[in-house]
Amino acid sequence: MPGEARPKASRQLPGEAQPKASRAHIEVTTWVTKHAGGDGTGSKLFDERIGRGDTPRTVLRRFTARFPELDSALWSPDHSELGSHIEVLVNDEVLGVTYELDTPLIGEERITLLGQFMGG
């Protein structure tokens, strides 16, 4: 009816129920692109299928398994934790703000792999 307020669309929060299958968008940037088929500049974008229970860790493990050099650069030697040279962001936030490495994804997240720079 005219003049009636419409309910606001609710936004799912990390860890809430998700559809049976969805996607996460992985952006590989800067020098990290050379480990994923790029030239070491700019960005490369990939879509990765996710399912119920997937987390940034499981999605990134599956993704980096296709790129051995990226796999070595992103993970610690025993593959239990992230290495120290590539920053992981989920929806433009570093891990530890809204998402952790093991927070369930809800779909349509953007996971960015950003190469750290050193300088002075």
Protein backbone atom coordinates (compact mmCIF):
# COMPACT_ATOMS: atom_id res chain seq x y z
CA MET A 1 0.00 0.00 0.00
CA PRO A 2 1.20 3.52 -0.65
CA GLY A 3 2.85 5.11 2.35
CA GLU A 4 3.61 1.76 4.07
CA ALA A 5 7.17 1.25 5.14
CA ARG A 6 8.92 -1.67 3.50
CA PRO A 7 11.00 -3.96 5.69
CA LYS A 8 14.71 -3.41 5.27
CA ALA A 9 16.58 -6.17 3.51
CA SER A 10 18.65 -7.98 6.07
CA ARG A 11 22.32 -8.58 5.41
CA GLN A 12 23.80 -11.88 6.45
CA LEU A 13 26.69 -11.77 8.84
CA PRO A 14 29.77 -14.01 8.68
CA GLY A 15 28.95 -17.48 9.96
CA GLU A 16 25.20 -17.28 9.28
CA ALA A 17 23.42 -19.80 7.08
CA GLN A 18 24.35 -19.61 3.43
CA PRO A 19 22.96 -20.94 0.19
CA LYS A 20 23.94 -24.46 -0.87
CA ALA A 21 26.46 -23.11 -3.37
CA SER A 22 27.77 -19.64 -3.98
CA ARG A 23 30.93 -17.81 -5.01
CA ALA A 24 33.75 -15.89 -3.44
CA HIS A 25 35.67 -13.41 -5.57
CA ILE A 26 39.43 -13.62 -5.20
CA GLU A 27 41.52 -10.61 -6.15
CA VAL A 28 45.27 -11.11 -6.46
CA THR A 29 47.14 -7.80 -6.52
CA THR A 30 50.56 -6.23 -7.02
CA TRP A 31 53.64 -8.49 -7.16
CA VAL A 32 51.53 -11.46 -6.03
CA THR A 33 49.97 -11.69 -9.52
CA LYS A 34 53.20 -13.17 -10.87
CA HIS A 35 52.39 -16.27 -8.78
CA ALA A 36 48.91 -16.58 -10.35
CA GLY A 37 49.61 -16.20 -14.06
CA GLY A 38 50.10 -12.42 -14.10
CA ASP A 39 53.03 -10.12 -14.71
CA GLY A 40 53.55 -8.83 -11.16
CA THR A 41 51.50 -5.66 -11.61
CA GLY A 42 47.85 -4.67 -11.32
CA SER A 43 45.21 -7.18 -10.27
CA LYS A 44 43.82 -10.50 -11.42
CA LEU A 45 40.29 -11.57 -10.50
CA PHE A 46 39.05 -15.11 -9.99
CA ASP A 47 35.68 -16.57 -8.98
CA GLU A 48 35.85 -19.52 -6.63
CA ARG A 49 32.86 -21.74 -5.91
CA ILE A 50 32.11 -22.07 -2.21
CA GLY A 51 29.83 -24.40 -0.33
CA ARG A 52 28.32 -24.66 3.11
CA GLY A 53 31.04 -24.51 5.76
CA ASP A 54 33.75 -23.03 3.55
CA THR A 55 36.01 -20.47 5.22
CA PRO A 56 38.70 -18.13 3.91
CA ARG A 57 41.20 -20.89 4.84
CA THR A 58 39.45 -23.65 2.86
CA VAL A 59 38.78 -21.42 -0.15
CA LEU A 60 42.38 -20.15 -0.23
CA ARG A 61 43.80 -23.67 0.21
CA ARG A 62 41.75 -24.90 -2.74
CA PHE A 63 42.63 -21.81 -4.81
CA THR A 64 46.38 -21.84 -4.13
CA ALA A 65 46.61 -25.58 -4.84
CA ARG A 66 46.23 -24.60 -8.53
CA PHE A 67 49.19 -22.18 -8.30
CA PRO A 68 52.17 -23.89 -6.60
CA GLU A 69 54.27 -20.69 -6.38
CA LEU A 70 51.37 -18.80 -4.79
CA ASP A 71 50.77 -21.71 -2.44
CA SER A 72 54.38 -21.52 -1.24
CA ALA A 73 54.25 -17.73 -0.89
CA LEU A 74 50.93 -17.59 0.99
CA TRP A 75 51.28 -20.40 3.53
CA SER A 76 53.82 -21.29 6.20
CA PRO A 77 56.10 -24.23 5.30
CA ASP A 78 53.79 -26.72 7.07
CA HIS A 79 50.68 -25.09 5.51
CA SER A 80 49.08 -24.60 8.92
CA GLU A 81 49.13 -20.77 8.94
CA LEU A 82 49.54 -17.83 6.62
CA GLY A 83 53.05 -16.72 5.78
CA SER A 84 54.22 -13.19 6.48
CA HIS A 85 54.59 -11.66 3.00
CA ILE A 86 51.00 -11.57 1.72
CA GLU A 87 48.15 -9.81 3.51
CA VAL A 88 44.67 -11.35 3.28
CA LEU A 89 41.64 -9.07 3.30
CA VAL A 90 37.99 -10.11 3.26
CA ASN A 91 35.65 -7.41 1.98
CA ASP A 92 38.45 -4.83 2.31
CA GLU A 93 39.15 -5.63 5.98
CA VAL A 94 42.26 -7.36 7.26
CA LEU A 95 41.68 -10.66 8.99
CA GLY A 96 40.78 -10.21 12.64
CA VAL A 97 38.21 -7.43 12.14
CA THR A 98 35.02 -9.10 10.86
CA TYR A 99 36.49 -12.32 9.51
CA GLU A 100 39.08 -14.76 10.82
CA LEU A 101 40.77 -17.39 8.70
CA ASP A 102 38.20 -19.94 9.91
CA THR A 103 35.01 -17.81 9.82
CA PRO A 104 32.34 -19.46 7.63
CA LEU A 105 31.68 -17.56 4.42
CA ILE A 106 28.16 -16.58 3.37
CA GLY A 107 28.86 -16.04 -0.34
CA GLU A 108 29.87 -13.12 -2.55
CA GLU A 109 32.79 -12.11 -0.31
CA ARG A 110 35.83 -10.54 -1.93
CA ILE A 111 39.07 -12.08 -0.70
CA THR A 112 42.10 -9.98 -1.61
CA LEU A 113 45.70 -11.20 -1.59
CA LEU A 114 47.84 -8.11 -1.25
CA GLY A 115 51.60 -8.27 -1.40
CA GLN A 116 53.34 -6.50 1.44
CA PHE A 117 55.90 -3.88 0.53
CA MET A 118 59.04 -3.03 2.42
CA GLY A 119 60.78 0.26 2.26
CA GLY A 120 61.93 3.16 4.24
